[in-house]
C-alpha atoms as a PDB file:
ATOM      1  CA  MET A   1      23.329 -22.151   8.400  1.00  0.00           C
ATOM      2  CA  ILE A   2      21.527 -18.734   7.776  1.00  0.00           C
ATOM      3  CA  GLN A   3      23.308 -15.381   6.746  1.00  0.00           C
ATOM      4  CA  HIS A   4      21.883 -11.937   7.862  1.00  0.00           C
ATOM      5  CA  THR A   5      24.041  -9.743   4.624  1.00  0.00           C
ATOM      6  CA  MET A   6      23.110  -6.173   5.157  1.00  0.00           C
ATOM      7  CA  ILE A   7      23.745  -3.262   3.047  1.00  0.00           C
ATOM      8  CA  VAL A   8      24.427  -0.062   4.795  1.00  0.00           C
ATOM      9  CA  SER A   9      24.478   2.979   2.721  1.00  0.00           C
ATOM     10  CA  PHE A  10      24.968   6.249   4.945  1.00  0.00           C
ATOM     11  CA  ASP A  11      23.838   9.507   3.163  1.00  0.00           C
ATOM     12  CA  SER A  12      27.461  11.889   2.963  1.00  0.00           C
ATOM     13  CA  ASP A  13      30.835  10.475   2.831  1.00  0.00           C
ATOM     14  CA  ILE A  14      31.831   9.102   6.799  1.00  0.00           C
ATOM     15  CA  PRO A  15      35.732   9.254   7.814  1.00  0.00           C
ATOM     16  CA  GLU A  16      37.697   5.876   7.319  1.00  0.00           C
ATOM     17  CA  THR A  17      38.282   6.366  11.411  1.00  0.00           C
ATOM     18  CA  GLU A  18      34.769   6.206  12.214  1.00  0.00           C
ATOM     19  CA  LEU A  19      33.047   4.020   9.849  1.00  0.00           C
ATOM     20  CA  HIS A  20      35.264   1.141  11.252  1.00  0.00           C
ATOM     21  CA  GLN A  21      34.657   2.276  14.596  1.00  0.00           C
ATOM     22  CA  TYR A  22      30.835   1.175  13.102  1.00  0.00           C
ATOM     23  CA  LEU A  23      32.028  -1.725  12.141  1.00  0.00           C
ATOM     24  CA  LYS A  24      33.451  -2.838  15.460  1.00  0.00           C
ATOM     25  CA  ASP A  25      30.147  -1.267  17.274  1.00  0.00           C
ATOM     26  CA  ILE A  26      27.797  -3.754  15.795  1.00  0.00           C
ATOM     27  CA  GLU A  27      31.171  -6.360  15.218  1.00  0.00           C
ATOM     28  CA  ASN A  28      30.979  -6.672  19.340  1.00  0.00           C
ATOM     29  CA  LEU A  29      28.062  -6.577  20.224  1.00  0.00           C
ATOM     30  CA  MET A  30      26.950  -9.197  17.687  1.00  0.00           C
ATOM     31  CA  MET A  31      30.178 -11.622  18.822  1.00  0.00           C
ATOM     32  CA  GLY A  32      29.392 -10.603  22.423  1.00  0.00           C
ATOM     33  CA  SER A  33      26.003 -12.471  21.518  1.00  0.00           C
ATOM     34  CA  GLY A  34      26.212 -15.969  21.016  1.00  0.00           C
ATOM     35  CA  ARG A  35      24.197 -15.816  19.253  1.00  0.00           C
ATOM     36  CA  VAL A  36      27.038 -15.080  16.050  1.00  0.00           C
ATOM     37  CA  GLU A  37      29.088 -17.830  14.627  1.00  0.00           C
ATOM     38  CA  ALA A  38      30.703 -15.562  12.348  1.00  0.00           C
ATOM     39  CA  PHE A  39      31.198 -11.293  11.910  1.00  0.00           C
ATOM     40  CA  SER A  40      32.542 -10.647   8.245  1.00  0.00           C
ATOM     41  CA  ALA A  41      32.001  -6.755   6.336  1.00  0.00           C
ATOM     42  CA  ARG A  42      33.702  -5.300   3.446  1.00  0.00           C
ATOM     43  CA  GLN A  43      33.420  -1.769   2.238  1.00  0.00           C
ATOM     44  CA  HIS A  44      32.003  -1.204  -1.424  1.00  0.00           C
ATOM     45  CA  ILE A  45      34.061  -0.900  -4.247  1.00  0.00           C
ATOM     46  CA  ARG A  46      33.109   2.419  -6.238  1.00  0.00           C
ATOM     47  CA  VAL A  47      32.518   2.150 -10.075  1.00  0.00           C
ATOM     48  CA  PRO A  48      31.232   4.908 -12.217  1.00  0.00           C
ATOM     49  CA  GLY A  49      28.029   3.189 -12.580  1.00  0.00           C
ATOM     50  CA  ASP A  50      27.032   3.859  -9.054  1.00  0.00           C
ATOM     51  CA  ASP A  51      25.785   7.171  -9.836  1.00  0.00           C
ATOM     52  CA  HIS A  52      22.938   5.892 -11.715  1.00  0.00           C
ATOM     53  CA  SER A  53      21.915   2.907  -9.090  1.00  0.00           C
ATOM     54  CA  PRO A  54      18.174   3.578  -8.777  1.00  0.00           C
ATOM     55  CA  LEU A  55      17.892   3.407  -5.125  1.00  0.00           C
ATOM     56  CA  CYS A  56      21.120   3.583  -3.307  1.00  0.00           C
ATOM     57  CA  VAL A  57      24.984   3.013  -3.434  1.00  0.00           C
ATOM     58  CA  ALA A  58      26.152   0.805  -0.363  1.00  0.00           C
ATOM     59  CA  THR A  59      29.044   2.092   1.640  1.00  0.00           C
ATOM     60  CA  VAL A  60      29.857  -1.333   3.499  1.00  0.00           C
ATOM     61  CA  ILE A  61      28.702  -5.056   3.773  1.00  0.00           C
ATOM     62  CA  VAL A  62      27.981  -6.766   6.887  1.00  0.00           C
ATOM     63  CA  GLN A  63      27.414 -10.168   6.514  1.00  0.00           C
ATOM     64  CA  LEU A  64      26.599 -12.383   9.584  1.00  0.00           C
ATOM     65  CA  ASP A  65      26.217 -16.454  10.511  1.00  0.00           C
ATOM     66  CA  LEU A  66      23.957 -17.329  12.132  1.00  0.00           C
ATOM     67  CA  ALA A  67      23.514 -21.318  13.124  1.00  0.00           C
ATOM     68  CA  ASP A  68      19.478 -20.831  12.806  1.00  0.00           C
ATOM     69  CA  LEU A  69      16.589 -18.699  12.406  1.00  0.00           C
ATOM     70  CA  ASP A  70      15.856 -18.521  16.304  1.00  0.00           C
ATOM     71  CA  ALA A  71      19.173 -17.535  16.606  1.00  0.00           C
ATOM     72  CA  LEU A  72      17.996 -15.280  13.280  1.00  0.00           C
ATOM     73  CA  ASN A  73      14.886 -14.308  15.878  1.00  0.00           C
ATOM     74  CA  ALA A  74      17.349 -13.243  18.787  1.00  0.00           C
ATOM     75  CA  VAL A  75      19.352 -10.905  17.514  1.00  0.00           C
ATOM     76  CA  PHE A  76      16.931  -8.694  16.052  1.00  0.00           C
ATOM     77  CA  GLY A  77      15.920  -8.043  19.921  1.00  0.00           C
ATOM     78  CA  MET A  78      19.036  -8.090  21.348  1.00  0.00           C
ATOM     79  CA  PRO A  79      19.449  -5.019  24.148  1.00  0.00           C
ATOM     80  CA  GLY A  80      21.965  -2.670  22.906  1.00  0.00           C
ATOM     81  CA  ILE A  81      21.003  -2.750  19.152  1.00  0.00           C
ATOM     82  CA  MET A  82      18.938   0.149  19.058  1.00  0.00           C
ATOM     83  CA  GLU A  83      21.111   2.393  21.337  1.00  0.00           C
ATOM     84  CA  ILE A  84      23.677   1.490  18.666  1.00  0.00           C
ATOM     85  CA  SER A  85      21.164   2.605  16.006  1.00  0.00           C
ATOM     86  CA  LYS A  86      20.404   5.877  16.985  1.00  0.00           C
ATOM     87  CA  ARG A  87      23.890   6.891  17.753  1.00  0.00           C
ATOM     88  CA  TRP A  88      25.708   5.998  14.797  1.00  0.00           C
ATOM     89  CA  GLN A  89      22.282   7.341  12.840  1.00  0.00           C
ATOM     90  CA  SER A  90      22.592  10.840  14.757  1.00  0.00           C
ATOM     91  CA  ARG A  91      25.850  11.202  13.537  1.00  0.00           C
ATOM     92  CA  TYR A  92      26.034   9.828  10.038  1.00  0.00           C
ATOM     93  CA  PRO A  93      22.601   9.383   8.762  1.00  0.00           C
ATOM     94  CA  TYR A  94      22.043   5.863   6.903  1.00  0.00           C
ATOM     95  CA  GLU A  95      20.023   3.698   5.462  1.00  0.00           C
ATOM     96  CA  VAL A  96      19.960  -0.521   5.788  1.00  0.00           C
ATOM     97  CA  VAL A  97      18.382  -3.502   3.716  1.00  0.00           C
ATOM     98  CA  TRP A  98      19.095  -6.937   4.114  1.00  0.00           C
ATOM     99  CA  ALA A  99      18.686 -10.883   2.731  1.00  0.00           C
ATOM    100  CA  ASN A 100      18.184 -13.613   5.065  1.00  0.00           C
ATOM    101  CA  HIS A 101      19.424 -16.742   2.793  1.00  0.00           C
ATOM    102  CA  GLU A 102      20.875 -19.808   3.571  1.00  0.00           C
ATOM    103  CA  ALA A 103      24.937 -20.010   2.668  1.00  0.00           C
ATOM    104  CA  LEU A 104      25.469 -18.885  -1.221  1.00  0.00           C
END
């Protein structure tokens, strides 16, 4: 089992309904691929210390569970992934960092 954990940071506030749609778009694509075993997402819990973050502050954390490295590589090249990214980036710019790891 490999987990792909993404930390997504929108440049500015994104309406709650739009954030939920962004996550639903990603979930539908990933789960529809047949390569992702589980999808989970949670909003970041903001604290005062976030104002001093040296990099970025998360808006949402997304985690994909995949069977193996082949499945992980396949989702990075899936049709539709760049279209979703471009569409949402044009409306609400964001940055993403990620880590691929065994289950914690």
